[in-house]
Amino acid sequence: MFIADYMTANPLTITADTLIPEARRLLDDNHFRHLPVVDKQVRLIGVVTDRDLRSAYPSSLLDEKRRREVLALVERTPVETIMSTNCSCVSIEATLDDALLVFDRDKVGALPVVTEDDVVIGIFSMRDLTAAYKKLFGAYEIGSSLIAVLDETKNHNSLSRIASLLEENDVQCTRLIKIGQRNGFDRIYMRVSSFKVGSVYKHLQDSGFTLLKP
């Protein structure tokens, strides 16, 4: 699956001379947490986050006079002074797996999506990634259940055996994956559309599969 199917296209952007209060207003009004900063050609030059903006404002621990002085300075300061310029980003061809690896590696909450010339054409957030994986794995589909079994046979046809078994018993299987384990048996996960999950359990057990439980 590609991030292009889940990203926000033509996202709201700001320029380096945008003042900090305006950037904060845009984030608050639109319920965003990240704003790409672009040049006149809409090429990515930085990112400002809600954390960057919060850090720019004076601490409540300051005395009132000093707090007013800092606040006055913040109100006339452009975002270029607080934005991150070493930006993590992805291309329009990126997959969910690509984005997941970048999120994990760089510990960021959103990724600008750019062209080969660094023109910003979208933004992809952790929330978008979660929504995509929910759809990929069928979470919240009406009447669906996730079932796990142990692949104790260690052979190469376990997935085809399960697929055939479910088909023979008129059970719709929408997802079927096997995950290897360093220790112990591999695990097979399947999502089935059935309101009679108990009968699915029985079919699997009668065919020699061990149900996996926490």
N, C-alpha and C. Protein backbone atom coordinates (compact mmCIF):
# COMPACT_ATOMS: atom_id res chain seq x y z
N MET A 1 0.84 -1.19 0.00
CA MET A 1 0.00 0.00 0.00
C MET A 1 0.88 1.25 0.00
N PHE A 2 0.44 2.25 -0.73
CA PHE A 2 1.23 3.45 -0.88
C PHE A 2 0.69 4.59 -0.01
N ILE A 3 1.60 5.42 0.49
CA ILE A 3 1.17 6.53 1.34
C ILE A 3 0.32 7.53 0.57
N ALA A 4 0.45 7.53 -0.75
CA ALA A 4 -0.35 8.45 -1.57
C ALA A 4 -1.84 8.26 -1.35
N ASP A 5 -2.24 7.04 -0.95
CA ASP A 5 -3.66 6.76 -0.73
C ASP A 5 -4.16 7.31 0.61
N TYR A 6 -3.24 7.72 1.49
CA TYR A 6 -3.64 8.12 2.84
C TYR A 6 -3.11 9.49 3.27
N MET A 7 -2.19 10.05 2.52
CA MET A 7 -1.61 11.33 2.90
C MET A 7 -2.62 12.47 2.72
N THR A 8 -2.34 13.59 3.34
CA THR A 8 -3.09 14.82 3.08
C THR A 8 -2.42 15.53 1.93
N ALA A 9 -3.12 15.62 0.81
CA ALA A 9 -2.55 16.26 -0.38
C ALA A 9 -2.64 17.77 -0.27
N ASN A 10 -1.72 18.46 -0.92
CA ASN A 10 -1.68 19.92 -0.92
C ASN A 10 -1.83 20.48 0.50
N PRO A 11 -0.93 20.10 1.39
CA PRO A 11 -1.08 20.49 2.79
C PRO A 11 -0.83 21.98 3.00
N LEU A 12 -1.30 22.46 4.12
CA LEU A 12 -1.04 23.84 4.52
C LEU A 12 0.45 23.99 4.78
N THR A 13 1.06 25.02 4.22
CA THR A 13 2.48 25.29 4.42
C THR A 13 2.67 26.74 4.83
N ILE A 14 3.87 27.03 5.33
CA ILE A 14 4.23 28.40 5.68
C ILE A 14 5.62 28.69 5.11
N THR A 15 5.98 29.96 5.12
CA THR A 15 7.31 30.37 4.66
C THR A 15 8.18 30.71 5.87
N ALA A 16 9.47 30.83 5.63
CA ALA A 16 10.41 31.04 6.73
C ALA A 16 10.18 32.35 7.47
N ASP A 17 9.57 33.35 6.79
CA ASP A 17 9.35 34.64 7.43
C ASP A 17 8.00 34.72 8.15
N THR A 18 7.26 33.63 8.16
CA THR A 18 6.00 33.61 8.93
C THR A 18 6.32 33.79 10.41
N LEU A 19 5.61 34.67 11.05
CA LEU A 19 5.87 34.92 12.48
C LEU A 19 5.35 33.77 13.33
N ILE A 20 6.00 33.56 14.45
CA ILE A 20 5.65 32.44 15.33
C ILE A 20 4.19 32.46 15.76
N PRO A 21 3.62 33.61 16.16
CA PRO A 21 2.20 33.60 16.55
C PRO A 21 1.27 33.14 15.43
N GLU A 22 1.58 33.51 14.18
CA GLU A 22 0.75 33.10 13.05
C GLU A 22 0.84 31.59 12.84
N ALA A 23 2.04 31.04 12.96
CA ALA A 23 2.21 29.59 12.82
C ALA A 23 1.43 28.87 13.92
N ARG A 24 1.48 29.40 15.11
CA ARG A 24 0.75 28.79 16.22
C ARG A 24 -0.75 28.83 15.97
N ARG A 25 -1.23 29.96 15.44
CA ARG A 25 -2.66 30.09 15.16
C ARG A 25 -3.10 29.08 14.11
N LEU A 26 -2.28 28.90 13.09
CA LEU A 26 -2.62 27.95 12.03
C LEU A 26 -2.70 26.52 12.58
N LEU A 27 -1.77 26.16 13.43
CA LEU A 27 -1.80 24.82 14.02
C LEU A 27 -3.04 24.64 14.90
N ASP A 28 -3.31 25.64 15.73
CA ASP A 28 -4.45 25.54 16.64
C ASP A 28 -5.77 25.51 15.89
N ASP A 29 -5.92 26.37 14.89
CA ASP A 29 -7.18 26.46 14.16
C ASP A 29 -7.47 25.21 13.34
N ASN A 30 -6.42 24.57 12.84
CA ASN A 30 -6.59 23.41 11.96
C ASN A 30 -6.31 22.08 12.63
N HIS A 31 -5.98 22.14 13.92
CA HIS A 31 -5.72 20.92 14.70
C HIS A 31 -4.60 20.09 14.10
N PHE A 32 -3.57 20.78 13.64
CA PHE A 32 -2.38 20.12 13.13
C PHE A 32 -1.31 20.10 14.22
N ARG A 33 -0.26 19.32 13.96
CA ARG A 33 0.90 19.31 14.85
C ARG A 33 2.19 19.59 14.12
N HIS A 34 2.11 19.67 12.77
CA HIS A 34 3.30 19.90 11.97
C HIS A 34 2.99 20.83 10.80
N LEU A 35 3.89 21.74 10.52
CA LEU A 35 3.75 22.65 9.38
C LEU A 35 5.03 22.62 8.56
N PRO A 36 4.96 22.18 7.30
CA PRO A 36 6.13 22.27 6.43
C PRO A 36 6.44 23.74 6.13
N VAL A 37 7.72 24.06 6.11
CA VAL A 37 8.16 25.41 5.76
C VAL A 37 8.76 25.33 4.35
N VAL A 38 8.30 26.19 3.46
CA VAL A 38 8.72 26.11 2.06
C VAL A 38 9.25 27.46 1.57
N ASP A 39 9.99 27.38 0.44
CA ASP A 39 10.45 28.61 -0.20
C ASP A 39 9.43 29.06 -1.24
N LYS A 40 9.78 30.02 -2.09
CA LYS A 40 8.84 30.56 -3.06
C LYS A 40 8.42 29.54 -4.11
N GLN A 41 9.25 28.53 -4.32
CA GLN A 41 8.92 27.47 -5.28
C GLN A 41 8.24 26.27 -4.60
N VAL A 42 7.81 26.46 -3.34
CA VAL A 42 7.13 25.44 -2.53
C VAL A 42 8.05 24.24 -2.27
N ARG A 43 9.35 24.49 -2.26
CA ARG A 43 10.30 23.44 -1.93
C ARG A 43 10.53 23.42 -0.43
N LEU A 44 10.64 22.23 0.10
CA LEU A 44 10.77 22.04 1.54
C LEU A 44 12.11 22.58 2.04
N ILE A 45 12.05 23.45 3.07
CA ILE A 45 13.28 23.94 3.69
C ILE A 45 13.27 23.72 5.20
N GLY A 46 12.14 23.28 5.75
CA GLY A 46 12.09 23.05 7.18
C GLY A 46 10.72 22.56 7.63
N VAL A 47 10.62 22.25 8.91
CA VAL A 47 9.36 21.83 9.52
C VAL A 47 9.26 22.48 10.90
N VAL A 48 8.08 22.98 11.21
CA VAL A 48 7.80 23.52 12.54
C VAL A 48 6.74 22.65 13.19
N THR A 49 6.98 22.25 14.42
CA THR A 49 6.02 21.42 15.15
C THR A 49 5.38 22.19 16.29
N ASP A 50 4.31 21.64 16.82
CA ASP A 50 3.68 22.29 17.97
C ASP A 50 4.63 22.34 19.16
N ARG A 51 5.52 21.36 19.27
CA ARG A 51 6.50 21.37 20.36
C ARG A 51 7.48 22.52 20.19
N ASP A 52 7.92 22.76 18.94
CA ASP A 52 8.81 23.90 18.68
C ASP A 52 8.15 25.20 19.12
N LEU A 53 6.87 25.33 18.81
CA LEU A 53 6.16 26.57 19.13
C LEU A 53 5.96 26.72 20.62
N ARG A 54 5.61 25.64 21.30
CA ARG A 54 5.44 25.73 22.75
C ARG A 54 6.74 26.12 23.43
N SER A 55 7.84 25.57 22.93
CA SER A 55 9.14 25.87 23.53
C SER A 55 9.55 27.32 23.32
N ALA A 56 9.02 27.94 22.27
CA ALA A 56 9.40 29.32 21.98
C ALA A 56 8.75 30.32 22.93
N TYR A 57 7.64 29.97 23.52
CA TYR A 57 6.92 30.88 24.38
C TYR A 57 7.50 30.89 25.79
N PRO A 58 7.34 32.00 26.51
CA PRO A 58 7.95 32.12 27.84
C PRO A 58 7.35 31.16 28.87
N SER A 59 8.18 30.73 29.77
CA SER A 59 7.75 29.83 30.84
C SER A 59 6.87 30.57 31.84
N SER A 60 5.92 29.87 32.39
CA SER A 60 5.05 30.46 33.42
C SER A 60 5.81 30.71 34.72
N LEU A 61 7.03 30.18 34.81
CA LEU A 61 7.84 30.37 36.01
C LEU A 61 8.54 31.72 36.03
N LEU A 62 8.58 32.40 34.88
CA LEU A 62 9.22 33.71 34.83
C LEU A 62 8.36 34.75 35.54
N ASP A 63 9.03 35.80 36.06
CA ASP A 63 8.25 36.88 36.66
C ASP A 63 7.52 37.63 35.54
N GLU A 64 6.49 38.35 35.90
CA GLU A 64 5.59 38.95 34.93
C GLU A 64 6.31 39.89 33.96
N LYS A 65 7.25 40.70 34.45
CA LYS A 65 7.96 41.63 33.60
C LYS A 65 8.79 40.90 32.55
N ARG A 66 9.55 39.91 33.00
CA ARG A 66 10.39 39.15 32.07
C ARG A 66 9.53 38.38 31.08
N ARG A 67 8.41 37.87 31.56
CA ARG A 67 7.52 37.10 30.70
C ARG A 67 6.97 37.99 29.58
N ARG A 68 6.61 39.23 29.89
CA ARG A 68 6.10 40.16 28.86
C ARG A 68 7.18 40.49 27.85
N GLU A 69 8.41 40.62 28.32
CA GLU A 69 9.53 40.93 27.42
C GLU A 69 9.76 39.79 26.42
N VAL A 70 9.77 38.56 26.94
CA VAL A 70 9.98 37.40 26.07
C VAL A 70 8.82 37.25 25.10
N LEU A 71 7.60 37.46 25.58
CA LEU A 71 6.43 37.34 24.72
C LEU A 71 6.47 38.37 23.59
N ALA A 72 6.90 39.57 23.90
CA ALA A 72 7.01 40.61 22.87
C ALA A 72 8.04 40.22 21.82
N LEU A 73 9.12 39.59 22.25
CA LEU A 73 10.15 39.13 21.31
C LEU A 73 9.61 38.01 20.42
N VAL A 74 8.88 37.07 21.02
CA VAL A 74 8.31 35.96 20.27
C VAL A 74 7.36 36.46 19.20
N GLU A 75 6.58 37.46 19.51
CA GLU A 75 5.57 37.95 18.58
C GLU A 75 6.14 38.58 17.31
N ARG A 76 7.41 38.92 17.33
CA ARG A 76 8.02 39.49 16.12
C ARG A 76 9.14 38.61 15.56
N THR A 77 9.17 37.34 16.01
CA THR A 77 10.21 36.41 15.57
C THR A 77 9.67 35.47 14.50
N PRO A 78 10.37 35.32 13.37
CA PRO A 78 9.93 34.40 12.32
C PRO A 78 10.25 32.95 12.67
N VAL A 79 9.55 32.04 12.03
CA VAL A 79 9.71 30.62 12.35
C VAL A 79 11.07 30.07 11.93
N GLU A 80 11.78 30.77 11.07
CA GLU A 80 13.08 30.26 10.63
C GLU A 80 14.05 30.11 11.80
N THR A 81 13.78 30.81 12.89
CA THR A 81 14.67 30.72 14.04
C THR A 81 14.42 29.47 14.88
N ILE A 82 13.28 28.82 14.70
CA ILE A 82 12.97 27.64 15.52
C ILE A 82 12.69 26.38 14.71
N MET A 83 12.59 26.51 13.38
CA MET A 83 12.23 25.34 12.56
C MET A 83 13.39 24.36 12.48
N SER A 84 13.04 23.09 12.23
CA SER A 84 14.04 22.05 11.99
C SER A 84 14.36 22.05 10.50
N THR A 85 15.64 22.12 10.16
CA THR A 85 16.03 22.15 8.75
C THR A 85 16.50 20.79 8.26
N ASN A 86 16.85 19.92 9.19
CA ASN A 86 17.25 18.55 8.81
C ASN A 86 16.00 17.69 8.82
N CYS A 87 15.21 17.79 7.74
CA CYS A 87 13.85 17.23 7.73
C CYS A 87 13.81 15.80 7.21
N SER A 88 13.04 14.98 7.88
CA SER A 88 12.72 13.66 7.36
C SER A 88 11.55 13.83 6.39
N CYS A 89 11.63 13.18 5.24
CA CYS A 89 10.55 13.26 4.27
C CYS A 89 10.53 12.00 3.43
N VAL A 90 9.49 11.83 2.65
CA VAL A 90 9.35 10.66 1.77
C VAL A 90 8.83 11.11 0.42
N SER A 91 8.99 10.22 -0.56
CA SER A 91 8.51 10.52 -1.90
C SER A 91 7.09 9.99 -2.08
N ILE A 92 6.45 10.40 -3.16
CA ILE A 92 5.09 9.96 -3.45
C ILE A 92 5.03 8.47 -3.73
N GLU A 93 6.15 7.87 -4.10
CA GLU A 93 6.19 6.43 -4.38
C GLU A 93 6.38 5.59 -3.12
N ALA A 94 6.54 6.20 -1.98
CA ALA A 94 6.82 5.47 -0.74
C ALA A 94 5.65 4.59 -0.33
N THR A 95 5.96 3.45 0.26
CA THR A 95 4.95 2.54 0.78
C THR A 95 4.75 2.77 2.28
N LEU A 96 3.75 2.11 2.83
CA LEU A 96 3.54 2.20 4.28
C LEU A 96 4.76 1.69 5.03
N ASP A 97 5.37 0.64 4.52
CA ASP A 97 6.56 0.09 5.17
C ASP A 97 7.69 1.12 5.17
N ASP A 98 7.85 1.83 4.05
CA ASP A 98 8.89 2.86 3.97
C ASP A 98 8.66 3.92 5.05
N ALA A 99 7.42 4.38 5.16
CA ALA A 99 7.10 5.41 6.14
C ALA A 99 7.30 4.91 7.56
N LEU A 100 6.90 3.68 7.82
CA LEU A 100 7.06 3.10 9.15
C LEU A 100 8.53 3.08 9.56
N LEU A 101 9.39 2.71 8.65
CA LEU A 101 10.82 2.65 8.95
C LEU A 101 11.38 4.03 9.25
N VAL A 102 10.93 5.05 8.51
CA VAL A 102 11.41 6.41 8.75
C VAL A 102 10.88 6.93 10.09
N PHE A 103 9.61 6.68 10.38
CA PHE A 103 9.05 7.09 11.67
C PHE A 103 9.84 6.48 12.82
N ASP A 104 10.14 5.20 12.71
CA ASP A 104 10.85 4.49 13.76
C ASP A 104 12.29 4.98 13.89
N ARG A 105 12.92 5.23 12.76
CA ARG A 105 14.33 5.65 12.76
C ARG A 105 14.51 7.08 13.27
N ASP A 106 13.64 7.99 12.80
CA ASP A 106 13.86 9.41 13.07
C ASP A 106 13.00 9.97 14.19
N LYS A 107 12.10 9.15 14.72
CA LYS A 107 11.27 9.56 15.86
C LYS A 107 10.54 10.88 15.59
N VAL A 108 9.87 10.95 14.44
CA VAL A 108 9.08 12.13 14.08
C VAL A 108 7.61 11.74 14.02
N GLY A 109 6.75 12.76 14.02
CA GLY A 109 5.32 12.48 14.02
C GLY A 109 4.63 12.65 12.69
N ALA A 110 5.33 13.24 11.72
CA ALA A 110 4.76 13.44 10.39
C ALA A 110 5.88 13.60 9.37
N LEU A 111 5.57 13.25 8.14
CA LEU A 111 6.57 13.29 7.06
C LEU A 111 6.03 14.09 5.88
N PRO A 112 6.69 15.18 5.50
CA PRO A 112 6.31 15.84 4.26
C PRO A 112 6.55 14.89 3.08
N VAL A 113 5.65 14.92 2.13
CA VAL A 113 5.79 14.12 0.91
C VAL A 113 6.24 15.07 -0.19
N VAL A 114 7.37 14.75 -0.82
CA VAL A 114 7.97 15.68 -1.76
C VAL A 114 8.24 15.02 -3.11
N THR A 115 8.39 15.87 -4.13
CA THR A 115 8.79 15.41 -5.45
C THR A 115 10.31 15.28 -5.50
N GLU A 116 10.83 14.90 -6.64
CA GLU A 116 12.28 14.80 -6.81
C GLU A 116 12.96 16.15 -6.61
N ASP A 117 12.23 17.24 -6.84
CA ASP A 117 12.77 18.59 -6.67
C ASP A 117 12.45 19.18 -5.30
N ASP A 118 12.01 18.31 -4.37
CA ASP A 118 11.69 18.72 -2.99
C ASP A 118 10.47 19.62 -2.88
N VAL A 119 9.63 19.64 -3.90
CA VAL A 119 8.37 20.39 -3.82
C VAL A 119 7.39 19.60 -2.94
N VAL A 120 6.80 20.28 -1.97
CA VAL A 120 5.88 19.63 -1.04
C VAL A 120 4.53 19.40 -1.70
N ILE A 121 4.10 18.14 -1.76
CA ILE A 121 2.81 17.82 -2.38
C ILE A 121 1.88 17.11 -1.40
N GLY A 122 2.36 16.83 -0.20
CA GLY A 122 1.52 16.15 0.78
C GLY A 122 2.20 16.07 2.12
N ILE A 123 1.48 15.55 3.08
CA ILE A 123 2.05 15.27 4.39
C ILE A 123 1.41 14.00 4.91
N PHE A 124 2.21 13.15 5.54
CA PHE A 124 1.77 11.85 6.01
C PHE A 124 2.13 11.73 7.47
N SER A 125 1.13 11.55 8.33
CA SER A 125 1.35 11.54 9.77
C SER A 125 1.25 10.14 10.36
N MET A 126 1.62 10.03 11.62
CA MET A 126 1.48 8.76 12.32
C MET A 126 0.01 8.36 12.39
N ARG A 127 -0.87 9.32 12.50
CA ARG A 127 -2.30 9.01 12.52
C ARG A 127 -2.74 8.43 11.18
N ASP A 128 -2.19 8.96 10.09
CA ASP A 128 -2.48 8.41 8.76
C ASP A 128 -1.97 6.97 8.66
N LEU A 129 -0.79 6.73 9.21
CA LEU A 129 -0.22 5.39 9.17
C LEU A 129 -1.09 4.41 9.94
N THR A 130 -1.57 4.83 11.10
CA THR A 130 -2.45 3.97 11.90
C THR A 130 -3.73 3.65 11.14
N ALA A 131 -4.31 4.66 10.50
CA ALA A 131 -5.55 4.45 9.73
C ALA A 131 -5.31 3.49 8.58
N ALA A 132 -4.14 3.61 7.94
CA ALA A 132 -3.82 2.75 6.80
C ALA A 132 -3.67 1.30 7.24
N TYR A 133 -2.99 1.08 8.36
CA TYR A 133 -2.79 -0.28 8.83
C TYR A 133 -4.08 -0.89 9.37
N LYS A 134 -4.96 -0.06 9.91
CA LYS A 134 -6.27 -0.56 10.32
C LYS A 134 -7.01 -1.14 9.12
N LYS A 135 -6.93 -0.41 8.00
CA LYS A 135 -7.60 -0.89 6.80
C LYS A 135 -6.88 -2.10 6.23
N LEU A 136 -5.55 -2.05 6.24
CA LEU A 136 -4.76 -3.16 5.69
C LEU A 136 -5.06 -4.46 6.41
N PHE A 137 -5.20 -4.40 7.73
CA PHE A 137 -5.42 -5.61 8.51
C PHE A 137 -6.88 -5.84 8.87
N GLY A 138 -7.77 -4.99 8.34
CA GLY A 138 -9.20 -5.23 8.50
C GLY A 138 -9.76 -4.95 9.87
N ALA A 139 -9.06 -4.17 10.66
CA ALA A 139 -9.58 -3.85 12.00
C ALA A 139 -10.89 -3.09 11.87
N TYR A 140 -11.82 -3.41 12.74
CA TYR A 140 -13.13 -2.77 12.82
C TYR A 140 -14.08 -3.14 11.68
N GLU A 141 -13.71 -4.09 10.83
CA GLU A 141 -14.66 -4.55 9.84
C GLU A 141 -15.79 -5.31 10.53
N ILE A 142 -17.01 -5.01 10.17
CA ILE A 142 -18.16 -5.63 10.82
C ILE A 142 -18.14 -7.14 10.61
N GLY A 143 -18.27 -7.87 11.71
CA GLY A 143 -18.33 -9.33 11.63
C GLY A 143 -16.99 -10.01 11.46
N SER A 144 -15.89 -9.25 11.54
CA SER A 144 -14.58 -9.88 11.35
C SER A 144 -13.94 -10.21 12.68
N SER A 145 -13.13 -11.25 12.67
CA SER A 145 -12.40 -11.67 13.87
C SER A 145 -10.98 -12.04 13.49
N LEU A 146 -10.05 -11.74 14.38
CA LEU A 146 -8.66 -12.11 14.16
C LEU A 146 -8.37 -13.38 14.94
N ILE A 147 -7.88 -14.39 14.23
CA ILE A 147 -7.59 -15.69 14.83
C ILE A 147 -6.12 -16.01 14.62
N ALA A 148 -5.48 -16.56 15.63
CA ALA A 148 -4.07 -16.92 15.54
C ALA A 148 -3.89 -18.40 15.88
N VAL A 149 -3.01 -19.05 15.12
CA VAL A 149 -2.68 -20.45 15.39
C VAL A 149 -1.17 -20.62 15.31
N LEU A 150 -0.69 -21.70 15.91
CA LEU A 150 0.72 -22.05 15.84
C LEU A 150 0.97 -22.92 14.61
N ASP A 151 2.06 -22.65 13.92
CA ASP A 151 2.44 -23.48 12.77
C ASP A 151 3.40 -24.55 13.26
N GLU A 152 2.84 -25.55 13.91
CA GLU A 152 3.67 -26.59 14.54
C GLU A 152 4.26 -27.58 13.53
N THR A 153 3.74 -27.57 12.32
CA THR A 153 4.21 -28.55 11.33
C THR A 153 5.53 -28.14 10.69
N LYS A 154 5.84 -26.84 10.74
CA LYS A 154 7.07 -26.32 10.14
C LYS A 154 7.18 -26.67 8.65
N ASN A 155 6.05 -26.83 7.98
CA ASN A 155 6.12 -27.11 6.55
C ASN A 155 5.78 -25.85 5.77
N HIS A 156 5.78 -25.96 4.47
CA HIS A 156 5.61 -24.78 3.64
C HIS A 156 4.20 -24.63 3.07
N ASN A 157 3.28 -25.48 3.47
CA ASN A 157 1.93 -25.37 2.90
C ASN A 157 0.87 -25.07 3.93
N SER A 158 1.29 -24.57 5.10
CA SER A 158 0.32 -24.27 6.16
C SER A 158 -0.69 -23.22 5.73
N LEU A 159 -0.22 -22.18 5.06
CA LEU A 159 -1.14 -21.12 4.64
C LEU A 159 -2.15 -21.64 3.62
N SER A 160 -1.69 -22.44 2.68
CA SER A 160 -2.61 -22.98 1.67
C SER A 160 -3.59 -23.96 2.32
N ARG A 161 -3.14 -24.72 3.32
CA ARG A 161 -4.04 -25.64 4.03
C ARG A 161 -5.15 -24.87 4.73
N ILE A 162 -4.78 -23.77 5.40
CA ILE A 162 -5.78 -22.97 6.10
C ILE A 162 -6.74 -22.33 5.11
N ALA A 163 -6.21 -21.78 4.03
CA ALA A 163 -7.06 -21.15 3.03
C ALA A 163 -8.07 -22.14 2.46
N SER A 164 -7.60 -23.35 2.17
CA SER A 164 -8.49 -24.38 1.63
C SER A 164 -9.52 -24.80 2.66
N LEU A 165 -9.10 -24.95 3.91
CA LEU A 165 -10.00 -25.35 4.98
C LEU A 165 -11.13 -24.34 5.15
N LEU A 166 -10.79 -23.07 5.18
CA LEU A 166 -11.81 -22.03 5.36
C LEU A 166 -12.74 -21.96 4.15
N GLU A 167 -12.18 -22.12 2.97
CA GLU A 167 -13.01 -22.08 1.76
C GLU A 167 -13.97 -23.26 1.73
N GLU A 168 -13.50 -24.44 2.13
CA GLU A 168 -14.36 -25.63 2.14
C GLU A 168 -15.53 -25.48 3.09
N ASN A 169 -15.35 -24.68 4.13
CA ASN A 169 -16.40 -24.50 5.12
C ASN A 169 -17.11 -23.15 4.97
N ASP A 170 -16.98 -22.56 3.79
CA ASP A 170 -17.68 -21.31 3.47
C ASP A 170 -17.38 -20.18 4.46
N VAL A 171 -16.13 -20.13 4.90
CA VAL A 171 -15.70 -19.04 5.79
C VAL A 171 -14.85 -18.08 4.97
N GLN A 172 -15.27 -16.83 4.92
CA GLN A 172 -14.53 -15.84 4.14
C GLN A 172 -13.30 -15.40 4.92
N CYS A 173 -12.14 -15.56 4.31
CA CYS A 173 -10.87 -15.13 4.91
C CYS A 173 -10.37 -13.92 4.14
N THR A 174 -10.19 -12.80 4.83
CA THR A 174 -9.78 -11.57 4.15
C THR A 174 -8.30 -11.26 4.31
N ARG A 175 -7.65 -11.83 5.33
CA ARG A 175 -6.22 -11.65 5.53
C ARG A 175 -5.63 -12.93 6.07
N LEU A 176 -4.42 -13.24 5.62
CA LEU A 176 -3.76 -14.46 6.08
C LEU A 176 -2.25 -14.25 5.99
N ILE A 177 -1.59 -14.23 7.14
CA ILE A 177 -0.15 -14.00 7.15
C ILE A 177 0.53 -14.94 8.14
N LYS A 178 1.80 -15.20 7.87
CA LYS A 178 2.60 -15.99 8.81
C LYS A 178 3.79 -15.17 9.27
N ILE A 179 4.01 -15.17 10.57
CA ILE A 179 5.10 -14.40 11.16
C ILE A 179 6.08 -15.36 11.82
N GLY A 180 7.30 -15.33 11.37
CA GLY A 180 8.32 -16.21 11.93
C GLY A 180 8.72 -15.81 13.34
N GLN A 181 9.14 -16.80 14.12
CA GLN A 181 9.57 -16.58 15.49
C GLN A 181 11.00 -17.09 15.67
N ARG A 182 11.80 -16.36 16.42
CA ARG A 182 13.16 -16.83 16.67
C ARG A 182 13.16 -18.09 17.53
N ASN A 183 12.25 -18.09 18.47
CA ASN A 183 12.13 -19.25 19.36
C ASN A 183 10.71 -19.79 19.27
N GLY A 184 10.58 -21.08 19.16
CA GLY A 184 9.25 -21.68 19.10
C GLY A 184 8.70 -21.70 17.69
N PHE A 185 7.42 -22.06 17.61
CA PHE A 185 6.76 -22.21 16.32
C PHE A 185 6.38 -20.86 15.72
N ASP A 186 6.35 -20.82 14.38
CA ASP A 186 5.85 -19.62 13.71
C ASP A 186 4.38 -19.43 14.03
N ARG A 187 3.90 -18.23 13.83
CA ARG A 187 2.50 -17.93 14.12
C ARG A 187 1.78 -17.53 12.84
N ILE A 188 0.56 -18.01 12.71
CA ILE A 188 -0.27 -17.69 11.56
C ILE A 188 -1.48 -16.90 12.04
N TYR A 189 -1.69 -15.76 11.43
CA TYR A 189 -2.81 -14.90 11.78
C TYR A 189 -3.76 -14.82 10.59
N MET A 190 -5.04 -14.91 10.89
CA MET A 190 -6.05 -14.81 9.83
C MET A 190 -7.20 -13.94 10.31
N ARG A 191 -7.76 -13.16 9.41
CA ARG A 191 -8.96 -12.40 9.73
C ARG A 191 -10.09 -12.99 8.92
N VAL A 192 -11.12 -13.41 9.62
CA VAL A 192 -12.25 -14.06 8.96
C VAL A 192 -13.52 -13.26 9.19
N SER A 193 -14.40 -13.33 8.21
CA SER A 193 -15.70 -12.69 8.33
C SER A 193 -16.73 -13.76 8.66
N SER A 194 -17.02 -13.86 9.93
CA SER A 194 -17.98 -14.89 10.38
C SER A 194 -18.50 -14.52 11.75
N PHE A 195 -19.81 -14.73 11.94
CA PHE A 195 -20.41 -14.52 13.25
C PHE A 195 -20.42 -15.81 14.07
N LYS A 196 -19.85 -16.87 13.49
CA LYS A 196 -19.77 -18.15 14.18
C LYS A 196 -18.30 -18.54 14.35
N VAL A 197 -17.61 -17.72 15.14
CA VAL A 197 -16.17 -17.90 15.30
C VAL A 197 -15.87 -19.24 15.97
N GLY A 198 -16.76 -19.67 16.85
CA GLY A 198 -16.55 -20.94 17.54
C GLY A 198 -16.42 -22.10 16.56
N SER A 199 -17.22 -22.08 15.50
CA SER A 199 -17.14 -23.16 14.53
C SER A 199 -15.84 -23.09 13.74
N VAL A 200 -15.34 -21.87 13.52
CA VAL A 200 -14.05 -21.71 12.83
C VAL A 200 -12.94 -22.29 13.69
N TYR A 201 -12.99 -22.02 15.00
CA TYR A 201 -12.01 -22.60 15.92
C TYR A 201 -12.02 -24.12 15.81
N LYS A 202 -13.22 -24.69 15.77
CA LYS A 202 -13.34 -26.15 15.74
C LYS A 202 -12.77 -26.73 14.45
N HIS A 203 -13.05 -26.07 13.33
CA HIS A 203 -12.51 -26.54 12.05
C HIS A 203 -10.98 -26.56 12.09
N LEU A 204 -10.40 -25.52 12.65
CA LEU A 204 -8.95 -25.42 12.72
C LEU A 204 -8.36 -26.49 13.64
N GLN A 205 -8.98 -26.64 14.81
CA GLN A 205 -8.48 -27.64 15.75
C GLN A 205 -8.64 -29.05 15.22
N ASP A 206 -9.76 -29.32 14.56
CA ASP A 206 -9.98 -30.65 13.99
C ASP A 206 -8.96 -30.97 12.88
N SER A 207 -8.41 -29.92 12.29
CA SER A 207 -7.41 -30.12 11.24
C SER A 207 -5.98 -30.11 11.78
N GLY A 208 -5.87 -30.10 13.11
CA GLY A 208 -4.54 -30.21 13.72
C GLY A 208 -3.86 -28.93 14.09
N PHE A 209 -4.52 -27.79 13.95
CA PHE A 209 -3.90 -26.51 14.31
C PHE A 209 -4.19 -26.19 15.79
N THR A 210 -3.19 -25.62 16.43
CA THR A 210 -3.33 -25.22 17.84
C THR A 210 -3.63 -23.73 17.91
N LEU A 211 -4.75 -23.41 18.52
CA LEU A 211 -5.12 -22.00 18.65
C LEU A 211 -4.15 -21.28 19.57
N LEU A 212 -3.78 -20.08 19.19
CA LEU A 212 -2.84 -19.30 19.99
C LEU A 212 -3.63 -18.33 20.85
N LYS A 213 -3.37 -18.38 22.15
CA LYS A 213 -4.04 -17.50 23.08
C LYS A 213 -2.97 -16.76 23.91
N PRO A 214 -3.31 -15.56 24.40
CA PRO A 214 -2.34 -14.79 25.18
C PRO A 214 -1.87 -15.57 26.42
